[in-house]
């Protein structure tokens, strides 16, 4: 869920700061705008994905196991996308 927020709001603002950075403080602000929300989304996606997968392994889930597996895998896929977004600034620097 955090990927659209990062792509539509945070990435353009960070790009604006990064491209217009003339002083070290603006450069630091650009990296903070890029990395802090993306890292928070990544951490939340990993925690939610692993929690769902842990709950899906329980035998007493009563019909909710498929939903837990689905959201667990989806959470880890979102974490993969967020991880790629975290690597992009380092690849271009």
Protein backbone atom coordinates (compact mmCIF):
# COMPACT_ATOMS: atom_id res chain seq x y z
CA UNK A 1 0.00 0.00 0.00
CA UNK A 2 2.91 2.34 0.55
CA UNK A 3 4.26 2.03 -2.99
CA UNK A 4 1.72 4.43 -4.61
CA UNK A 5 2.32 6.99 -1.86
CA UNK A 6 6.06 6.81 -2.37
CA UNK A 7 5.82 6.99 -6.16
CA UNK A 8 3.21 9.74 -6.40
CA UNK A 9 4.13 12.08 -3.56
CA UNK A 10 7.48 11.41 -1.96
CA UNK A 11 9.54 10.57 -5.05
CA UNK A 12 8.74 13.82 -6.95
CA UNK A 13 9.37 15.95 -3.85
CA UNK A 14 12.66 14.16 -3.19
CA UNK A 15 13.64 14.51 -6.84
CA UNK A 16 12.90 18.24 -6.75
CA UNK A 17 15.08 18.67 -3.66
CA UNK A 18 17.82 16.46 -5.08
CA UNK A 19 17.99 18.27 -8.43
CA UNK A 20 17.90 21.70 -6.88
CA UNK A 21 20.29 20.87 -4.05
CA UNK A 22 22.97 23.51 -3.92
CA UNK A 23 23.92 23.15 -0.28
CA UNK A 24 24.61 20.12 1.91
CA UNK A 25 21.48 20.77 3.99
CA UNK A 26 19.25 20.51 0.90
CA UNK A 27 21.07 17.39 -0.17
CA UNK A 28 20.49 15.86 3.27
CA UNK A 29 16.81 16.84 3.10
CA UNK A 30 16.49 15.19 -0.30
CA UNK A 31 17.95 11.92 0.96
CA UNK A 32 15.72 12.05 4.04
CA UNK A 33 12.63 12.61 1.89
CA UNK A 34 13.66 9.67 -0.29
CA UNK A 35 14.70 7.15 2.34
CA UNK A 36 12.74 7.71 5.57
CA UNK A 37 9.17 7.07 4.33
CA UNK A 38 10.30 4.34 1.96
CA UNK A 39 12.18 2.60 4.75
CA UNK A 40 9.16 2.87 7.04
CA UNK A 41 6.92 1.35 4.35
CA UNK A 42 9.46 -1.43 3.81
CA UNK A 43 9.62 -2.26 7.50
CA UNK A 44 5.82 -2.27 7.85
CA UNK A 45 5.43 -4.50 4.78
CA UNK A 46 8.02 -6.98 6.06
CA UNK A 47 6.47 -7.13 9.54
CA UNK A 48 2.92 -7.50 8.21
CA UNK A 49 3.94 -10.10 5.64
CA UNK A 50 5.85 -12.22 8.13
CA UNK A 51 3.06 -11.93 10.72
CA UNK A 52 0.46 -13.07 8.19
CA UNK A 53 2.62 -16.00 7.14
CA UNK A 54 3.14 -16.98 10.78
CA UNK A 55 -0.61 -16.86 11.39
CA UNK A 56 -1.29 -18.87 8.22
CA UNK A 57 0.81 -21.75 9.52
CA UNK A 58 -1.47 -22.23 12.55
CA UNK A 59 -3.89 -25.11 12.26
CA UNK A 60 -6.76 -23.33 14.05
CA UNK A 61 -7.19 -20.52 11.53
CA UNK A 62 -10.72 -21.72 10.55
CA UNK A 63 -10.99 -20.72 6.91
CA UNK A 64 -8.71 -17.71 7.20
CA UNK A 65 -5.54 -19.51 6.19
CA UNK A 66 -5.88 -18.70 2.49
CA UNK A 67 -6.41 -15.03 3.27
CA UNK A 68 -3.41 -15.02 5.60
CA UNK A 69 -1.21 -16.71 2.98
CA UNK A 70 -2.36 -14.22 0.35
CA UNK A 71 -1.68 -11.16 2.47
CA UNK A 72 1.60 -12.60 3.71
CA UNK A 73 2.90 -13.09 0.19
CA UNK A 74 1.49 -9.72 -0.89
CA UNK A 75 3.19 -8.00 2.04
CA UNK A 76 6.54 -9.54 1.12
CA UNK A 77 6.08 -8.54 -2.54
CA UNK A 78 5.41 -4.95 -1.46
CA UNK A 79 8.53 -5.18 0.72
CA UNK A 80 10.48 -6.21 -2.38
CA UNK A 81 9.22 -3.19 -4.30
CA UNK A 82 10.02 -0.90 -1.40
CA UNK A 83 13.48 -2.44 -1.16
CA UNK A 84 14.07 -1.63 -4.81
CA UNK A 85 12.99 1.95 -4.16
CA UNK A 86 15.51 2.11 -1.32
CA UNK A 87 18.28 0.95 -3.65
CA UNK A 88 17.55 3.39 -6.49
CA UNK A 89 19.25 6.45 -4.90
CA UNK A 90 22.35 4.39 -4.16
CA UNK A 91 22.54 2.98 -7.70
CA UNK A 92 22.51 6.43 -9.28
CA UNK A 93 24.98 8.08 -6.93
